[in-house]
Amino acid sequence: MQAIQALDLFGMPVLIPPPKIVVKKQVYSAPEENYRYGIIAPEEDRRRWCIVVRPNSLLSYYSARHHQKGEWRKPLFERKRIEGELSPNAVRKMQKALKWLVWQASEKEVYEKSIGKKLKYRVNFITLSFKSNLEDDKVGRKILSMWLEMAKYRFNVGNYVWRAETQERGAIHFHLVTDVYIPYAELRFTWNRLLCKFGLGTMEDNSTDVHAVKNIKNTTAYLVKYLSDESKQEGRRKIKGRLWGCNKALSNAGKEKVVVDTWDLQVLQSDMRSYSLATKLIAAGKPIPEILKHCDIWELPEGYFEHLPECALKDIWLKEIETLRNVSRNKRLQFWQREE
């Protein structure tokens, strides 16, 4: 059997000689149909390593379901949860959701009166509070859920991340990050109307705030640091129940993966050495976190996937972005449009 022309994970041509593989004590040459993405092992031996696509990075880890029977895997993180505080696992999930939210958001412009110029931004930062001293967290989340359901149709809000916190007086309030422009007057009117329905305020209450996240180099890092900062809650009442949330599409983003064998992973590690997070930390003389002992993370430059040739990784990235951008499209109810 002659060498076969194949494609690697990035769609680049690779010339691979047909190897001899031992399976069940039998030696044979790998058939041609197994030469996909450089995978040269038989079906029962090749599905080992999973590569997950993130907005601006790649992550690889060993698939636990392919461990030998009876083999036990120790969890990477201890699931410690303290009532009223975000767990490390919750912070990681929030960070992933915010990354996809910021990355898929289209660039918009806002006029800044102080400098007399238009500034570009991607996401809005909204604060929803209660004029009354509301300490019933369940009622607060119910009102937020009702407002979000309304905002899907009135403002076409599709992707969002919310975080619940307490003020010094003990009242609950919410921070909300969206990729849709919402006028301040409309935001205040719709939120106060809900508060009036529950007898928690008036239509004139100053209970909302909205501003564009702009003039920030790393928007995702800024939002994650602000929303996960527990030092602001020191000495305040602990919230009971859920502390953060996002829409279903953001929660499911990044779950598709490409499964490869050890040979493919070694090729990927060699090609992506300059983007490796572990390599950057070692060069900077910084300690390597525990997670990098169990997986590889490659931080990619902006626009990396757009310039890739057609391949499995690019297809997954484009599919994720398209899915998020199509959330809640054409969901506006017809009665918002005036009949002629």
Protein backbone atom coordinates (compact mmCIF):
# COMPACT_ATOMS: atom_id res chain seq x y z
CA MET A 1 0.00 0.00 0.00
CA GLN A 2 1.34 3.43 -0.99
CA ALA A 3 1.35 6.58 1.09
CA ILE A 4 -1.95 8.45 1.10
CA GLN A 5 -2.56 12.18 0.75
CA ALA A 6 -4.70 13.30 3.75
CA LEU A 7 -5.74 16.48 5.53
CA ASP A 8 -4.88 17.41 9.08
CA LEU A 9 -7.13 19.27 11.54
CA PHE A 10 -6.41 22.60 9.84
CA GLY A 11 -7.17 21.38 6.31
CA MET A 12 -3.51 21.25 5.28
CA PRO A 13 -2.34 18.34 3.06
CA VAL A 14 -0.28 15.68 4.84
CA LEU A 15 1.48 12.68 3.28
CA ILE A 16 1.04 9.71 5.62
CA PRO A 17 2.61 6.27 5.07
CA PRO A 18 0.33 3.31 5.77
CA PRO A 19 1.46 1.95 9.16
CA LYS A 20 1.27 -1.53 10.59
CA ILE A 21 -1.16 -1.58 13.53
CA VAL A 22 -1.58 -4.37 16.04
CA VAL A 23 -5.19 -4.93 17.13
CA LYS A 24 -6.27 -8.11 18.96
CA LYS A 25 -2.86 -9.65 18.25
CA GLN A 26 -3.33 -9.27 14.49
CA VAL A 27 -1.10 -7.14 12.24
CA TYR A 28 -2.68 -5.40 9.27
CA SER A 29 -2.42 -2.20 7.23
CA ALA A 30 -4.82 0.61 8.03
CA PRO A 31 -7.54 0.89 5.35
CA GLU A 32 -7.84 4.06 3.30
CA GLU A 33 -11.21 5.04 4.78
CA ASN A 34 -9.55 5.59 8.17
CA TYR A 35 -7.36 8.40 6.77
CA ARG A 36 -9.45 11.32 7.95
CA TYR A 37 -7.91 14.35 9.69
CA GLY A 38 -4.72 12.29 9.95
CA ILE A 39 -6.42 9.57 12.02
CA ILE A 40 -4.61 6.34 11.14
CA ALA A 41 -5.69 4.03 13.98
CA PRO A 42 -8.61 1.60 13.74
CA GLU A 43 -12.05 2.64 15.04
CA GLU A 44 -11.76 0.99 18.47
CA ASP A 45 -8.33 2.53 19.15
CA ARG A 46 -8.46 6.00 17.65
CA ARG A 47 -11.16 7.90 19.56
CA ARG A 48 -9.22 9.12 22.57
CA TRP A 49 -8.51 12.86 22.57
CA CYS A 50 -11.20 15.53 22.37
CA ILE A 51 -10.49 19.00 20.91
CA VAL A 52 -13.00 21.71 21.89
CA VAL A 53 -13.36 24.99 20.02
CA ARG A 54 -13.63 28.25 21.98
CA PRO A 55 -14.13 31.76 20.51
CA ASN A 56 -10.41 32.53 20.52
CA SER A 57 -8.77 29.35 21.78
CA LEU A 58 -8.57 25.55 21.54
CA LEU A 59 -8.69 23.03 24.37
CA SER A 60 -7.76 19.34 24.29
CA TYR A 61 -8.36 16.70 26.94
CA TYR A 62 -8.44 12.93 27.27
CA SER A 63 -11.91 11.44 26.91
CA ALA A 64 -12.73 9.64 30.16
CA ARG A 65 -15.27 7.30 28.55
CA HIS A 66 -12.43 5.56 26.69
CA HIS A 67 -10.59 4.59 29.87
CA GLN A 68 -10.20 0.90 30.52
CA LYS A 69 -12.94 -0.87 32.40
CA GLY A 70 -12.60 -0.39 36.14
CA GLU A 71 -10.25 2.60 35.79
CA TRP A 72 -11.25 5.53 38.00
CA ARG A 73 -10.60 9.17 37.19
CA LYS A 74 -10.17 11.69 39.95
CA PRO A 75 -12.18 14.88 39.30
CA LEU A 76 -10.07 17.85 38.21
CA PHE A 77 -11.81 20.26 40.57
CA GLU A 78 -13.37 19.80 43.96
CA ARG A 79 -16.98 20.95 43.81
CA LYS A 80 -17.12 23.14 46.88
CA ARG A 81 -20.22 25.31 47.07
CA ILE A 82 -20.83 27.95 49.70
CA GLU A 83 -24.32 29.41 49.97
CA GLY A 84 -24.35 32.91 48.51
CA GLU A 85 -20.95 32.64 46.77
CA LEU A 86 -19.92 31.65 43.25
CA SER A 87 -18.04 28.35 43.08
CA PRO A 88 -14.92 28.03 40.87
CA ASN A 89 -16.93 25.87 38.49
CA ALA A 90 -19.64 28.57 38.21
CA VAL A 91 -17.00 31.22 37.48
CA ARG A 92 -15.57 29.08 34.66
CA LYS A 93 -19.02 28.58 33.14
CA MET A 94 -19.74 32.30 33.39
CA GLN A 95 -16.41 33.09 31.72
CA LYS A 96 -17.20 30.72 28.84
CA ALA A 97 -20.66 32.24 28.35
CA LEU A 98 -19.28 35.80 28.39
CA LYS A 99 -16.58 34.88 25.86
CA TRP A 100 -19.12 33.56 23.38
CA LEU A 101 -21.45 36.52 24.05
CA VAL A 102 -18.78 39.16 23.38
CA TRP A 103 -17.23 37.31 20.42
CA GLN A 104 -20.46 36.82 18.43
CA ALA A 105 -21.79 40.34 19.12
CA SER A 106 -21.70 42.70 16.17
CA GLU A 107 -19.85 45.98 16.52
CA LYS A 108 -22.09 48.97 17.25
CA GLU A 109 -21.58 52.74 17.75
CA VAL A 110 -22.67 55.09 20.50
CA TYR A 111 -22.32 58.88 20.65
CA GLU A 112 -20.32 60.09 23.68
CA LYS A 113 -21.39 63.64 24.61
CA SER A 114 -18.35 64.33 26.82
CA ILE A 115 -15.90 64.04 23.90
CA GLY A 116 -18.28 64.69 21.01
CA LYS A 117 -17.37 61.47 19.17
CA LYS A 118 -18.86 58.10 18.32
CA LEU A 119 -17.32 55.16 20.14
CA LYS A 120 -17.53 51.51 19.09
CA TYR A 121 -18.78 48.82 21.45
CA ARG A 122 -20.15 45.27 21.39
CA VAL A 123 -22.19 44.72 24.57
CA ASN A 124 -24.36 46.67 27.03
CA PHE A 125 -24.07 46.55 30.82
CA ILE A 126 -27.46 46.94 32.54
CA THR A 127 -28.31 47.29 36.24
CA LEU A 128 -31.81 46.48 37.50
CA SER A 129 -32.57 47.35 41.13
CA PHE A 130 -35.49 47.73 43.52
CA LYS A 131 -36.39 51.03 45.19
CA SER A 132 -37.96 49.11 48.04
CA ASN A 133 -35.77 47.01 50.33
CA LEU A 134 -36.58 43.67 48.66
CA GLU A 135 -34.86 40.76 50.42
CA ASP A 136 -37.01 37.98 48.95
CA ASP A 137 -34.54 36.56 46.42
CA LYS A 138 -37.11 34.20 44.89
CA VAL A 139 -39.47 37.09 44.07
CA GLY A 140 -36.56 39.12 42.65
CA ARG A 141 -35.55 36.31 40.27
CA LYS A 142 -39.19 35.84 39.25
CA ILE A 143 -39.46 39.52 38.26
CA LEU A 144 -36.17 39.30 36.36
CA SER A 145 -37.43 36.19 34.50
CA MET A 146 -40.63 37.99 33.52
CA TRP A 147 -38.69 41.01 32.26
CA LEU A 148 -36.32 38.82 30.20
CA GLU A 149 -39.27 37.00 28.63
CA MET A 150 -40.76 40.35 27.63
CA ALA A 151 -37.40 41.70 26.39
CA LYS A 152 -37.02 38.77 23.96
CA TYR A 153 -39.94 40.16 21.95
CA ARG A 154 -39.87 43.89 22.65
CA PHE A 155 -36.10 44.46 22.34
CA ASN A 156 -35.16 41.26 20.49
CA VAL A 157 -32.82 40.21 23.31
CA GLY A 158 -31.43 36.77 22.48
CA ASN A 159 -28.11 36.32 24.28
CA TYR A 160 -27.58 37.54 27.83
CA VAL A 161 -25.76 36.81 31.10
CA TRP A 162 -27.16 37.98 34.45
CA ARG A 163 -25.67 38.13 37.95
CA ALA A 164 -27.50 38.67 41.25
CA GLU A 165 -25.90 40.70 44.08
CA THR A 166 -26.98 42.43 47.27
CA GLN A 167 -26.63 46.10 48.13
CA GLU A 168 -25.41 47.43 51.48
CA ARG A 169 -29.02 47.78 52.65
CA GLY A 170 -29.58 44.08 51.90
CA ALA A 171 -31.79 44.49 48.82
CA ILE A 172 -31.17 42.27 45.83
CA HIS A 173 -30.28 43.76 42.43
CA PHE A 174 -29.18 42.34 39.07
CA HIS A 175 -26.43 43.05 36.55
CA LEU A 176 -27.22 42.08 32.96
CA VAL A 177 -24.92 41.87 29.92
CA THR A 178 -26.58 41.80 26.48
CA ASP A 179 -25.54 42.32 22.86
CA VAL A 180 -28.62 44.41 21.96
CA TYR A 181 -29.09 48.17 22.32
CA ILE A 182 -31.91 49.03 24.75
CA PRO A 183 -32.92 52.72 25.12
CA TYR A 184 -32.73 53.94 28.70
CA ALA A 185 -36.30 55.31 28.72
CA GLU A 186 -37.71 52.00 27.47
CA LEU A 187 -35.63 50.03 29.97
CA ARG A 188 -36.83 52.14 32.88
CA PHE A 189 -40.47 52.06 31.75
CA THR A 190 -40.66 48.27 31.32
CA TRP A 191 -38.82 47.47 34.57
CA ASN A 192 -40.81 49.94 36.70
CA ARG A 193 -44.06 48.65 35.20
CA LEU A 194 -43.22 45.18 36.54
CA LEU A 195 -42.33 46.61 39.95
CA CYS A 196 -45.68 48.39 40.08
CA LYS A 197 -47.44 45.14 39.28
CA PHE A 198 -45.85 43.55 42.37
CA GLY A 199 -46.36 46.66 44.51
CA LEU A 200 -42.62 47.30 44.83
CA GLY A 201 -42.30 50.80 43.39
CA THR A 202 -43.66 53.56 41.16
CA MET A 203 -43.18 54.50 37.51
CA GLU A 204 -40.94 57.44 38.52
CA ASP A 205 -38.39 55.36 40.47
CA ASN A 206 -34.75 55.60 39.37
CA SER A 207 -34.20 51.84 39.42
CA THR A 208 -32.27 51.17 36.19
CA ASP A 209 -28.95 52.01 34.59
CA VAL A 210 -27.45 51.12 31.21
CA HIS A 211 -24.17 51.93 29.50
CA ALA A 212 -22.04 50.51 26.70
CA VAL A 213 -18.86 48.63 27.61
CA LYS A 214 -16.26 50.62 25.66
CA ASN A 215 -12.65 51.81 25.89
CA ILE A 216 -11.66 48.45 27.42
CA LYS A 217 -8.90 46.35 25.85
CA ASN A 218 -10.15 42.97 27.07
CA THR A 219 -13.92 43.20 27.45
CA THR A 220 -14.41 39.59 28.55
CA ALA A 221 -11.76 39.75 31.28
CA TYR A 222 -13.25 43.01 32.60
CA LEU A 223 -16.77 41.58 32.76
CA VAL A 224 -15.68 38.30 34.39
CA LYS A 225 -13.65 40.15 37.02
CA TYR A 226 -16.50 42.55 37.80
CA LEU A 227 -19.29 39.96 37.94
CA SER A 228 -17.30 37.35 39.91
CA ASP A 229 -15.76 39.74 42.45
CA GLU A 230 -16.88 38.41 45.84
CA SER A 231 -15.03 41.13 47.78
CA LYS A 232 -17.92 43.52 47.04
CA GLN A 233 -20.25 41.21 48.99
CA GLU A 234 -18.20 41.10 52.20
CA GLY A 235 -20.34 41.96 55.19
CA ARG A 236 -23.55 41.88 53.16
CA ARG A 237 -26.51 39.53 53.20
CA LYS A 238 -25.96 36.24 51.34
CA ILE A 239 -28.33 35.52 48.46
CA LYS A 240 -30.30 32.28 48.65
CA GLY A 241 -30.61 30.31 45.44
CA ARG A 242 -29.17 30.89 42.00
CA LEU A 243 -26.58 33.64 41.64
CA TRP A 244 -26.16 33.87 37.87
CA GLY A 245 -27.59 32.58 34.61
CA CYS A 246 -27.60 32.87 30.82
CA ASN A 247 -29.78 31.90 27.88
CA LYS A 248 -29.85 28.30 26.66
CA ALA A 249 -27.81 28.91 23.50
CA LEU A 250 -24.89 30.41 25.46
CA SER A 251 -25.08 27.56 27.96
CA ASN A 252 -24.80 24.99 25.16
CA ALA A 253 -22.10 26.83 23.19
CA GLY A 254 -18.72 25.12 22.92
CA LYS A 255 -19.95 21.57 23.53
CA GLU A 256 -19.19 20.23 20.05
CA LYS A 257 -15.77 18.65 19.66
CA VAL A 258 -13.42 16.84 17.29
CA VAL A 259 -12.18 13.44 18.48
CA VAL A 260 -8.65 12.44 17.43
CA ASP A 261 -5.98 9.92 18.35
CA THR A 262 -2.60 10.44 20.03
CA TRP A 263 -0.76 10.87 16.73
CA ASP A 264 -3.06 13.71 15.65
CA LEU A 265 -2.71 15.39 19.04
CA GLN A 266 1.09 15.33 18.80
CA VAL A 267 0.91 17.00 15.37
CA LEU A 268 -1.41 19.67 16.79
CA GLN A 269 0.86 20.28 19.78
CA SER A 270 3.84 20.74 17.46
CA ASP A 271 2.02 23.15 15.12
CA MET A 272 0.49 25.20 17.96
CA ARG A 273 3.52 25.38 20.24
CA SER A 274 3.79 29.18 19.97
CA TYR A 275 0.15 29.58 21.09
CA SER A 276 0.38 27.18 24.05
CA LEU A 277 -0.65 28.75 27.35
CA ALA A 278 1.71 26.48 29.28
CA THR A 279 4.65 27.53 27.08
CA LYS A 280 3.84 31.22 27.65
CA LEU A 281 3.66 30.74 31.43
CA ILE A 282 6.97 28.87 31.53
CA ALA A 283 8.66 31.58 29.44
CA ALA A 284 7.32 34.23 31.84
CA GLY A 285 8.53 32.28 34.88
CA LYS A 286 5.01 31.81 36.24
CA PRO A 287 3.62 28.64 37.87
CA ILE A 288 1.46 26.34 35.77
CA PRO A 289 -2.11 25.94 37.11
CA GLU A 290 -3.46 22.51 37.96
CA ILE A 291 -5.81 22.38 34.97
CA LEU A 292 -2.91 22.48 32.47
CA LYS A 293 -1.62 19.21 33.91
CA HIS A 294 -4.73 17.50 32.55
CA CYS A 295 -5.35 19.36 29.29
CA ASP A 296 -3.77 21.69 26.73
CA ILE A 297 -4.99 25.22 26.03
CA TRP A 298 -3.91 27.27 23.00
CA GLU A 299 -4.69 31.00 22.96
CA LEU A 300 -5.24 32.11 19.37
CA PRO A 301 -4.94 35.61 17.87
CA GLU A 302 -8.03 37.50 16.77
CA GLY A 303 -9.33 36.41 13.39
CA TYR A 304 -7.51 33.08 13.50
CA PHE A 305 -10.48 30.90 12.55
CA GLU A 306 -11.65 33.26 9.80
CA HIS A 307 -8.35 32.80 7.94
CA LEU A 308 -8.21 29.01 8.33
CA PRO A 309 -8.84 26.87 5.24
CA GLU A 310 -11.95 24.70 5.23
CA CYS A 311 -11.56 22.10 8.00
CA ALA A 312 -13.42 20.49 10.91
CA LEU A 313 -12.33 23.10 13.48
CA LYS A 314 -13.42 26.03 11.33
CA ASP A 315 -16.77 24.37 10.58
CA ILE A 316 -17.49 23.99 14.31
CA TRP A 317 -16.50 27.60 15.05
CA LEU A 318 -18.68 28.98 12.25
CA LYS A 319 -21.61 26.81 13.34
CA GLU A 320 -21.37 28.05 16.95
CA ILE A 321 -21.21 31.71 15.92
CA GLU A 322 -24.11 31.34 13.47
CA THR A 323 -26.26 29.57 16.07
CA LEU A 324 -25.75 32.35 18.63
CA ARG A 325 -26.40 35.13 16.12
CA ASN A 326 -29.68 33.53 15.06
CA VAL A 327 -31.07 33.34 18.60
CA SER A 328 -34.42 35.11 18.91
CA ARG A 329 -34.30 36.33 15.33
CA ASN A 330 -37.76 37.10 13.92
CA LYS A 331 -39.32 36.58 17.36
CA ARG A 332 -40.96 39.97 17.56
CA LEU A 333 -44.69 39.67 17.95
CA GLN A 334 -46.77 41.09 15.14
CA PHE A 335 -48.72 43.39 17.43
CA TRP A 336 -45.59 45.52 17.96
CA GLN A 337 -45.94 46.56 14.31
CA ARG A 338 -48.63 49.07 13.39
CA GLU A 339 -51.08 47.84 10.81
CA GLU A 340 -51.51 50.09 7.79
